Amino acid sequence: MYAYIDGKLAFKCPTYVVIEAAGIGYQIHISLHTFAQIADVERCKLFTYLHIKEDAHTLYGFAEESEKRLFMHLISVSGIGPSTCRMMLSSISPIEIQQAIVQADLTLIQRIKGIGAKSAQRIVLELQDKLKKEGSDTLLSMPSMNTVKDEALSALVMLGFGKSAAEKALDQILKGNSGDISVEQLIKTALRNL
């Protein structure tokens, strides 16, 4: 229904943004990959997909058409929904997902939360040939540590993790990290450990 939305970023966090266009604020769910692409902009254009369920209409947005195309391929796989796709695109980059599918790297795909052995096999089986034909399309800001941790915690809770478990994982990562870490890096590391 909406091919893209172009407008002013009224609000952004690692899991969703609000884009104001023509006086309307659109809440659009995004991956960490997209968040990294739009981290330093005031206006943006997101390619969108509207997911309609009985109880909700949810907009998903992507900074690049190639990420949206991969998302559309992934949701076409039986048993893989938009939330799982967003988790995949937040855990590893779109190009890494595409390469893992083309190379049948089931181990990498299964490391993503919510993807088991059968789902990984189904993804490879249904998408490997499509992605090979398409070829390989080529498909992060340093605020204070408290802000980084708060944004990462908020993102993990919105992705469905328990607050206490997410906070514990983030504290552990921050303790072991000697230098600065971006919100995106922190969330990706936490996703691997949760």
C-alpha atoms as a PDB file:
ATOM      1  CA  MET A   1       0.000   0.000   0.000  1.00  0.00           C
ATOM      2  CA  TYR A   2       2.818   2.430   0.883  1.00  0.00           C
ATOM      3  CA  ALA A   3       5.933   2.065  -1.294  1.00  0.00           C
ATOM      4  CA  TYR A   4       7.923   4.526   0.794  1.00  0.00           C
ATOM      5  CA  ILE A   5       7.503   7.382   3.239  1.00  0.00           C
ATOM      6  CA  ASP A   6       9.715  10.449   2.955  1.00  0.00           C
ATOM      7  CA  GLY A   7       9.709  13.064   5.677  1.00  0.00           C
ATOM      8  CA  LYS A   8      11.120  14.553   8.838  1.00  0.00           C
ATOM      9  CA  LEU A   9      12.257  12.191  11.587  1.00  0.00           C
ATOM     10  CA  ALA A  10      10.094  13.252  14.533  1.00  0.00           C
ATOM     11  CA  PHE A  11      11.380  10.411  16.761  1.00  0.00           C
ATOM     12  CA  LYS A  12      13.845   7.566  16.433  1.00  0.00           C
ATOM     13  CA  CYS A  13      15.036   4.705  18.576  1.00  0.00           C
ATOM     14  CA  PRO A  14      16.683   1.384  17.609  1.00  0.00           C
ATOM     15  CA  THR A  15      13.374  -0.412  17.045  1.00  0.00           C
ATOM     16  CA  TYR A  16      11.087   2.189  15.467  1.00  0.00           C
ATOM     17  CA  VAL A  17      10.890   5.703  14.109  1.00  0.00           C
ATOM     18  CA  VAL A  18       8.141   8.251  13.651  1.00  0.00           C
ATOM     19  CA  ILE A  19       8.318  10.049  10.319  1.00  0.00           C
ATOM     20  CA  GLU A  20       6.219  13.163   9.846  1.00  0.00           C
ATOM     21  CA  ALA A  21       4.997  13.497   6.261  1.00  0.00           C
ATOM     22  CA  ALA A  22       2.214  15.850   5.159  1.00  0.00           C
ATOM     23  CA  GLY A  23       1.211  16.500   8.754  1.00  0.00           C
ATOM     24  CA  ILE A  24       0.858  12.813   9.638  1.00  0.00           C
ATOM     25  CA  GLY A  25       3.228  10.929  11.941  1.00  0.00           C
ATOM     26  CA  TYR A  26       3.874   7.376  10.743  1.00  0.00           C
ATOM     27  CA  GLN A  27       5.220   4.908  13.303  1.00  0.00           C
ATOM     28  CA  ILE A  28       7.508   2.573  11.388  1.00  0.00           C
ATOM     29  CA  HIS A  29       9.240  -0.482  12.848  1.00  0.00           C
ATOM     30  CA  ILE A  30      12.872  -0.807  11.764  1.00  0.00           C
ATOM     31  CA  SER A  31      15.850  -3.146  12.088  1.00  0.00           C
ATOM     32  CA  LEU A  32      19.159  -2.191  13.670  1.00  0.00           C
ATOM     33  CA  HIS A  33      20.625  -2.128  10.165  1.00  0.00           C
ATOM     34  CA  THR A  34      18.213   0.639   9.145  1.00  0.00           C
ATOM     35  CA  PHE A  35      18.714   2.438  12.465  1.00  0.00           C
ATOM     36  CA  ALA A  36      22.445   2.595  11.758  1.00  0.00           C
ATOM     37  CA  GLN A  37      21.779   4.025   8.279  1.00  0.00           C
ATOM     38  CA  ILE A  38      19.577   6.864   9.586  1.00  0.00           C
ATOM     39  CA  ALA A  39      21.306   7.515  12.924  1.00  0.00           C
ATOM     40  CA  ASP A  40      22.600  10.984  11.983  1.00  0.00           C
ATOM     41  CA  VAL A  41      19.870  12.357   9.709  1.00  0.00           C
ATOM     42  CA  GLU A  42      16.908  14.655  10.330  1.00  0.00           C
ATOM     43  CA  ARG A  43      14.972  13.702   7.182  1.00  0.00           C
ATOM     44  CA  CYS A  44      14.808  10.308   5.586  1.00  0.00           C
ATOM     45  CA  LYS A  45      13.042   8.129   3.076  1.00  0.00           C
ATOM     46  CA  LEU A  46      12.133   4.623   4.204  1.00  0.00           C
ATOM     47  CA  PHE A  47      10.896   1.925   1.861  1.00  0.00           C
ATOM     48  CA  THR A  48       7.908   0.398   3.618  1.00  0.00           C
ATOM     49  CA  TYR A  49       5.886  -2.755   3.966  1.00  0.00           C
ATOM     50  CA  LEU A  50       2.451  -2.728   5.630  1.00  0.00           C
ATOM     51  CA  HIS A  51       1.706  -5.945   7.517  1.00  0.00           C
ATOM     52  CA  ILE A  52      -2.012  -6.405   8.148  1.00  0.00           C
ATOM     53  CA  LYS A  53      -3.307  -8.747  10.806  1.00  0.00           C
ATOM     54  CA  GLU A  54      -6.757  -9.061  12.321  1.00  0.00           C
ATOM     55  CA  ASP A  55      -5.760  -6.994  15.356  1.00  0.00           C
ATOM     56  CA  ALA A  56      -3.063  -4.645  13.973  1.00  0.00           C
ATOM     57  CA  HIS A  57      -1.692  -2.827  10.949  1.00  0.00           C
ATOM     58  CA  THR A  58       2.092  -2.531  11.314  1.00  0.00           C
ATOM     59  CA  LEU A  59       4.457  -0.566   9.079  1.00  0.00           C
ATOM     60  CA  TYR A  60       8.010  -1.842   8.614  1.00  0.00           C
ATOM     61  CA  GLY A  61      10.629   0.440   7.103  1.00  0.00           C
ATOM     62  CA  PHE A  62      13.982  -0.041   5.404  1.00  0.00           C
ATOM     63  CA  ALA A  63      16.705   2.451   4.526  1.00  0.00           C
ATOM     64  CA  GLU A  64      17.597   0.474   1.393  1.00  0.00           C
ATOM     65  CA  GLU A  65      15.443  -1.264  -1.208  1.00  0.00           C
ATOM     66  CA  SER A  66      17.733  -4.310  -1.035  1.00  0.00           C
ATOM     67  CA  GLU A  67      16.939  -4.758   2.676  1.00  0.00           C
ATOM     68  CA  LYS A  68      13.209  -4.526   1.938  1.00  0.00           C
ATOM     69  CA  ARG A  69      13.577  -7.051  -0.899  1.00  0.00           C
ATOM     70  CA  LEU A  70      15.343  -9.502   1.448  1.00  0.00           C
ATOM     71  CA  PHE A  71      12.633  -8.918   4.090  1.00  0.00           C
ATOM     72  CA  MET A  72       9.944  -9.731   1.496  1.00  0.00           C
ATOM     73  CA  HIS A  73      11.769 -12.937   0.533  1.00  0.00           C
ATOM     74  CA  LEU A  74      12.083 -13.959   4.188  1.00  0.00           C
ATOM     75  CA  ILE A  75       8.411 -13.405   5.065  1.00  0.00           C
ATOM     76  CA  SER A  76       7.433 -15.521   2.064  1.00  0.00           C
ATOM     77  CA  VAL A  77       8.924 -18.539   3.871  1.00  0.00           C
ATOM     78  CA  SER A  78       6.304 -20.525   5.769  1.00  0.00           C
ATOM     79  CA  GLY A  79       6.537 -19.924   9.527  1.00  0.00           C
ATOM     80  CA  ILE A  80       8.684 -16.770   9.255  1.00  0.00           C
ATOM     81  CA  GLY A  81       6.821 -13.592  10.167  1.00  0.00           C
ATOM     82  CA  PRO A  82       7.762  -9.904  10.111  1.00  0.00           C
ATOM     83  CA  SER A  83       8.944  -9.881  13.747  1.00  0.00           C
ATOM     84  CA  THR A  84      11.302 -12.795  13.115  1.00  0.00           C
ATOM     85  CA  CYS A  85      12.578 -11.092   9.948  1.00  0.00           C
ATOM     86  CA  ARG A  86      13.248  -7.886  11.876  1.00  0.00           C
ATOM     87  CA  MET A  87      15.114  -9.930  14.498  1.00  0.00           C
ATOM     88  CA  MET A  88      17.203 -11.500  11.715  1.00  0.00           C
ATOM     89  CA  LEU A  89      18.019  -8.116  10.153  1.00  0.00           C
ATOM     90  CA  SER A  90      18.916  -6.758  13.586  1.00  0.00           C
ATOM     91  CA  SER A  91      21.180  -9.684  14.471  1.00  0.00           C
ATOM     92  CA  ILE A  92      23.297  -9.814  11.328  1.00  0.00           C
ATOM     93  CA  SER A  93      23.544  -7.591   8.271  1.00  0.00           C
ATOM     94  CA  PRO A  94      21.339  -8.201   5.209  1.00  0.00           C
ATOM     95  CA  ILE A  95      24.356  -9.123   3.095  1.00  0.00           C
ATOM     96  CA  GLU A  96      25.474 -11.694   5.707  1.00  0.00           C
ATOM     97  CA  ILE A  97      21.970 -13.214   5.767  1.00  0.00           C
ATOM     98  CA  GLN A  98      21.914 -13.365   1.985  1.00  0.00           C
ATOM     99  CA  GLN A  99      25.368 -14.986   1.855  1.00  0.00           C
ATOM    100  CA  ALA A 100      24.413 -17.478   4.591  1.00  0.00           C
ATOM    101  CA  ILE A 101      21.330 -18.518   2.597  1.00  0.00           C
ATOM    102  CA  VAL A 102      23.194 -18.792  -0.723  1.00  0.00           C
ATOM    103  CA  GLN A 103      26.035 -20.778   0.913  1.00  0.00           C
ATOM    104  CA  ALA A 104      23.591 -22.868   3.027  1.00  0.00           C
ATOM    105  CA  ASP A 105      25.331 -21.780   6.237  1.00  0.00           C
ATOM    106  CA  LEU A 106      22.716 -23.228   8.600  1.00  0.00           C
ATOM    107  CA  THR A 107      24.903 -22.647  11.667  1.00  0.00           C
ATOM    108  CA  LEU A 108      24.947 -18.872  11.155  1.00  0.00           C
ATOM    109  CA  ILE A 109      21.211 -18.713  10.464  1.00  0.00           C
ATOM    110  CA  GLN A 110      20.412 -20.789  13.577  1.00  0.00           C
ATOM    111  CA  ARG A 111      22.396 -18.403  15.811  1.00  0.00           C
ATOM    112  CA  ILE A 112      19.576 -15.876  15.338  1.00  0.00           C
ATOM    113  CA  LYS A 113      17.016 -15.904  18.171  1.00  0.00           C
ATOM    114  CA  GLY A 114      13.808 -17.602  17.073  1.00  0.00           C
ATOM    115  CA  ILE A 115      15.379 -19.591  14.226  1.00  0.00           C
ATOM    116  CA  GLY A 116      15.714 -23.303  14.849  1.00  0.00           C
ATOM    117  CA  ALA A 117      17.153 -26.057  12.681  1.00  0.00           C
ATOM    118  CA  LYS A 118      13.919 -26.691  10.734  1.00  0.00           C
ATOM    119  CA  SER A 119      13.314 -22.973  10.088  1.00  0.00           C
ATOM    120  CA  ALA A 120      16.908 -22.481   8.922  1.00  0.00           C
ATOM    121  CA  GLN A 121      16.606 -25.446   6.547  1.00  0.00           C
ATOM    122  CA  ARG A 122      13.281 -24.156   5.208  1.00  0.00           C
ATOM    123  CA  ILE A 123      14.757 -20.659   4.629  1.00  0.00           C
ATOM    124  CA  VAL A 124      17.705 -22.102   2.687  1.00  0.00           C
ATOM    125  CA  LEU A 125      15.526 -24.536   0.728  1.00  0.00           C
ATOM    126  CA  GLU A 126      12.983 -21.895  -0.325  1.00  0.00           C
ATOM    127  CA  LEU A 127      15.300 -18.915  -0.919  1.00  0.00           C
ATOM    128  CA  GLN A 128      18.705 -20.226  -2.017  1.00  0.00           C
ATOM    129  CA  ASP A 129      17.895 -20.381  -5.741  1.00  0.00           C
ATOM    130  CA  LYS A 130      15.991 -17.049  -5.746  1.00  0.00           C
ATOM    131  CA  LEU A 131      18.867 -15.216  -4.079  1.00  0.00           C
ATOM    132  CA  LYS A 132      21.479 -16.835  -6.331  1.00  0.00           C
ATOM    133  CA  LYS A 133      19.539 -15.587  -9.377  1.00  0.00           C
ATOM    134  CA  GLU A 134      19.306 -12.059  -8.003  1.00  0.00           C
ATOM    135  CA  GLY A 135      23.042 -11.941  -7.384  1.00  0.00           C
ATOM    136  CA  SER A 136      24.573 -10.353  -4.338  1.00  0.00           C
ATOM    137  CA  ASP A 137      23.218  -6.832  -3.919  1.00  0.00           C
ATOM    138  CA  THR A 138      25.350  -4.852  -1.553  1.00  0.00           C
ATOM    139  CA  LEU A 139      22.962  -4.066   0.354  1.00  0.00           C
ATOM    140  CA  LEU A 140      26.847   3.174  13.065  1.00  0.00           C
ATOM    141  CA  SER A 141      27.082   7.423  16.831  1.00  0.00           C
ATOM    142  CA  MET A 142      28.667   7.451  20.205  1.00  0.00           C
ATOM    143  CA  PRO A 143      26.454   8.972  22.928  1.00  0.00           C
ATOM    144  CA  SER A 144      27.212   8.548  26.645  1.00  0.00           C
ATOM    145  CA  MET A 145      27.271   5.019  28.074  1.00  0.00           C
ATOM    146  CA  ASN A 146      24.029   5.476  30.058  1.00  0.00           C
ATOM    147  CA  THR A 147      22.206   6.617  26.923  1.00  0.00           C
ATOM    148  CA  VAL A 148      23.695   3.736  24.938  1.00  0.00           C
ATOM    149  CA  LYS A 149      22.650   1.225  27.581  1.00  0.00           C
ATOM    150  CA  ASP A 150      19.159   2.746  27.943  1.00  0.00           C
ATOM    151  CA  GLU A 151      18.544   2.724  24.185  1.00  0.00           C
ATOM    152  CA  ALA A 152      19.851  -0.836  23.877  1.00  0.00           C
ATOM    153  CA  LEU A 153      17.713  -1.997  26.813  1.00  0.00           C
ATOM    154  CA  SER A 154      14.631  -0.341  25.333  1.00  0.00           C
ATOM    155  CA  ALA A 155      15.275  -2.010  21.973  1.00  0.00           C
ATOM    156  CA  LEU A 156      15.766  -5.468  23.503  1.00  0.00           C
ATOM    157  CA  VAL A 157      12.578  -5.157  25.573  1.00  0.00           C
ATOM    158  CA  MET A 158      10.655  -4.080  22.454  1.00  0.00           C
ATOM    159  CA  LEU A 159      12.072  -7.107  20.614  1.00  0.00           C
ATOM    160  CA  GLY A 160      10.522  -9.348  23.281  1.00  0.00           C
ATOM    161  CA  PHE A 161      13.303  -9.990  25.793  1.00  0.00           C
ATOM    162  CA  GLY A 162      12.720  -9.768  29.548  1.00  0.00           C
ATOM    163  CA  LYS A 163      13.984  -6.502  31.049  1.00  0.00           C
ATOM    164  CA  SER A 164      16.081  -8.078  33.816  1.00  0.00           C
ATOM    165  CA  ALA A 165      17.741 -10.636  31.497  1.00  0.00           C
ATOM    166  CA  ALA A 166      18.463  -7.943  28.905  1.00  0.00           C
ATOM    167  CA  GLU A 167      19.873  -5.570  31.536  1.00  0.00           C
ATOM    168  CA  LYS A 168      22.122  -8.304  32.932  1.00  0.00           C
ATOM    169  CA  ALA A 169      23.435  -9.135  29.443  1.00  0.00           C
ATOM    170  CA  LEU A 170      24.097  -5.455  28.673  1.00  0.00           C
ATOM    171  CA  ASP A 171      25.934  -4.905  31.973  1.00  0.00           C
ATOM    172  CA  GLN A 172      28.133  -7.906  31.268  1.00  0.00           C
ATOM    173  CA  ILE A 173      28.993  -6.628  27.779  1.00  0.00           C
ATOM    174  CA  LEU A 174      29.706  -3.098  29.017  1.00  0.00           C
ATOM    175  CA  LYS A 175      31.967  -4.418  31.797  1.00  0.00           C
ATOM    176  CA  GLY A 176      34.064  -6.382  29.320  1.00  0.00           C
ATOM    177  CA  ASN A 177      34.258  -3.515  26.822  1.00  0.00           C
ATOM    178  CA  SER A 178      37.232  -1.228  27.357  1.00  0.00           C
ATOM    179  CA  GLY A 179      36.387   1.382  24.685  1.00  0.00           C
ATOM    180  CA  ASP A 180      33.305   3.123  23.354  1.00  0.00           C
ATOM    181  CA  ILE A 181      30.532   0.993  21.894  1.00  0.00           C
ATOM    182  CA  SER A 182      27.638   2.086  19.707  1.00  0.00           C
ATOM    183  CA  VAL A 183      24.010   1.214  20.440  1.00  0.00           C
ATOM    184  CA  GLU A 184      23.932  -1.041  17.390  1.00  0.00           C
ATOM    185  CA  GLN A 185      27.059  -2.963  18.403  1.00  0.00           C
ATOM    186  CA  LEU A 186      25.771  -3.350  21.958  1.00  0.00           C
ATOM    187  CA  ILE A 187      22.399  -4.714  20.816  1.00  0.00           C
ATOM    188  CA  LYS A 188      23.981  -7.096  18.290  1.00  0.00           C
ATOM    189  CA  THR A 189      26.335  -8.458  20.939  1.00  0.00           C
ATOM    190  CA  ALA A 190      23.464  -8.855  23.398  1.00  0.00           C
ATOM    191  CA  LEU A 191      21.357 -10.673  20.784  1.00  0.00           C
ATOM    192  CA  ARG A 192      24.140 -13.226  20.398  1.00  0.00           C
ATOM    193  CA  ASN A 193      24.278 -13.767  24.173  1.00  0.00           C
ATOM    194  CA  LEU A 194      20.569 -13.882  25.037  1.00  0.00           C
END
